[in-house]
């Protein structure tokens, strides 16, 4: 089965609602591609690829030891 990754998270308008919808879409995508069976590195990489680019900048400010789990 192939699944389409959700569009990037759009935080400019109604961020709480956008986050909730995006997260549900990402969870469905994760189920389709059996992401839970993958390593933490793969899970984080897929999540960071899917999310809004500005969030990547925030993630990169986290200490390296905090970047290992999602």
Protein backbone atom coordinates (compact mmCIF):
# COMPACT_ATOMS: atom_id res chain seq x y z
CA UNK A 1 0.00 0.00 0.00
CA UNK A 2 1.25 3.46 -0.78
CA UNK A 3 0.13 6.43 1.25
CA UNK A 4 0.56 10.14 0.67
CA UNK A 5 2.42 12.02 3.38
CA UNK A 6 0.34 14.88 4.84
CA UNK A 7 0.97 18.41 3.64
CA UNK A 8 3.26 20.55 5.77
CA UNK A 9 1.72 21.85 8.98
CA UNK A 10 0.31 25.34 8.42
CA UNK A 11 0.56 27.39 11.62
CA UNK A 12 -0.33 30.81 10.20
CA UNK A 13 -4.09 30.39 10.67
CA UNK A 14 -5.69 28.82 13.78
CA UNK A 15 -2.58 26.94 14.88
CA UNK A 16 -4.31 24.71 17.50
CA UNK A 17 -6.90 23.48 15.00
CA UNK A 18 -4.31 23.07 12.25
CA UNK A 19 -2.06 21.05 14.58
CA UNK A 20 -4.90 18.74 15.60
CA UNK A 21 -5.90 18.03 11.99
CA UNK A 22 -2.30 17.63 10.83
CA UNK A 23 -1.46 15.27 13.68
CA UNK A 24 -4.43 13.03 12.86
CA UNK A 25 -3.35 12.93 9.22
CA UNK A 26 0.21 12.08 10.23
CA UNK A 27 -1.00 9.32 12.56
CA UNK A 28 -3.07 7.78 9.76
CA UNK A 29 -0.08 8.03 7.43
CA UNK A 30 2.12 6.40 10.09
CA UNK A 31 -0.30 3.50 10.36
CA UNK A 32 -0.41 3.04 6.58
CA UNK A 33 3.37 2.86 6.26
CA UNK A 34 3.79 0.86 9.51
CA UNK A 35 6.05 3.53 10.98
CA UNK A 36 5.76 2.09 14.50
CA UNK A 37 7.84 -0.88 13.38
CA UNK A 38 10.72 1.38 12.33
CA UNK A 39 13.66 2.64 14.39
CA UNK A 40 13.40 5.90 16.34
CA UNK A 41 15.80 7.54 13.86
CA UNK A 42 13.50 6.64 10.97
CA UNK A 43 10.39 7.81 12.87
CA UNK A 44 11.99 11.17 13.65
CA UNK A 45 13.24 11.58 10.09
CA UNK A 46 9.80 10.91 8.62
CA UNK A 47 8.11 13.24 11.12
CA UNK A 48 10.60 16.05 10.50
CA UNK A 49 10.25 15.61 6.74
CA UNK A 50 6.48 15.88 6.99
CA UNK A 51 6.20 18.83 9.38
CA UNK A 52 6.44 22.55 8.58
CA UNK A 53 10.01 23.73 7.83
CA UNK A 54 9.95 26.32 10.64
CA UNK A 55 9.46 23.49 13.12
CA UNK A 56 12.69 21.92 11.87
CA UNK A 57 14.50 25.10 12.90
CA UNK A 58 13.02 24.79 16.41
CA UNK A 59 13.91 21.08 16.57
CA UNK A 60 17.51 21.91 15.68
CA UNK A 61 17.76 24.06 18.81
CA UNK A 62 17.07 21.06 21.07
CA UNK A 63 20.07 19.44 22.77
CA UNK A 64 21.24 16.41 20.79
CA UNK A 65 20.28 14.00 23.59
CA UNK A 66 16.66 15.27 23.35
CA UNK A 67 16.47 14.61 19.60
CA UNK A 68 16.56 10.83 19.95
CA UNK A 69 12.90 10.17 20.76
CA UNK A 70 9.66 11.42 19.42
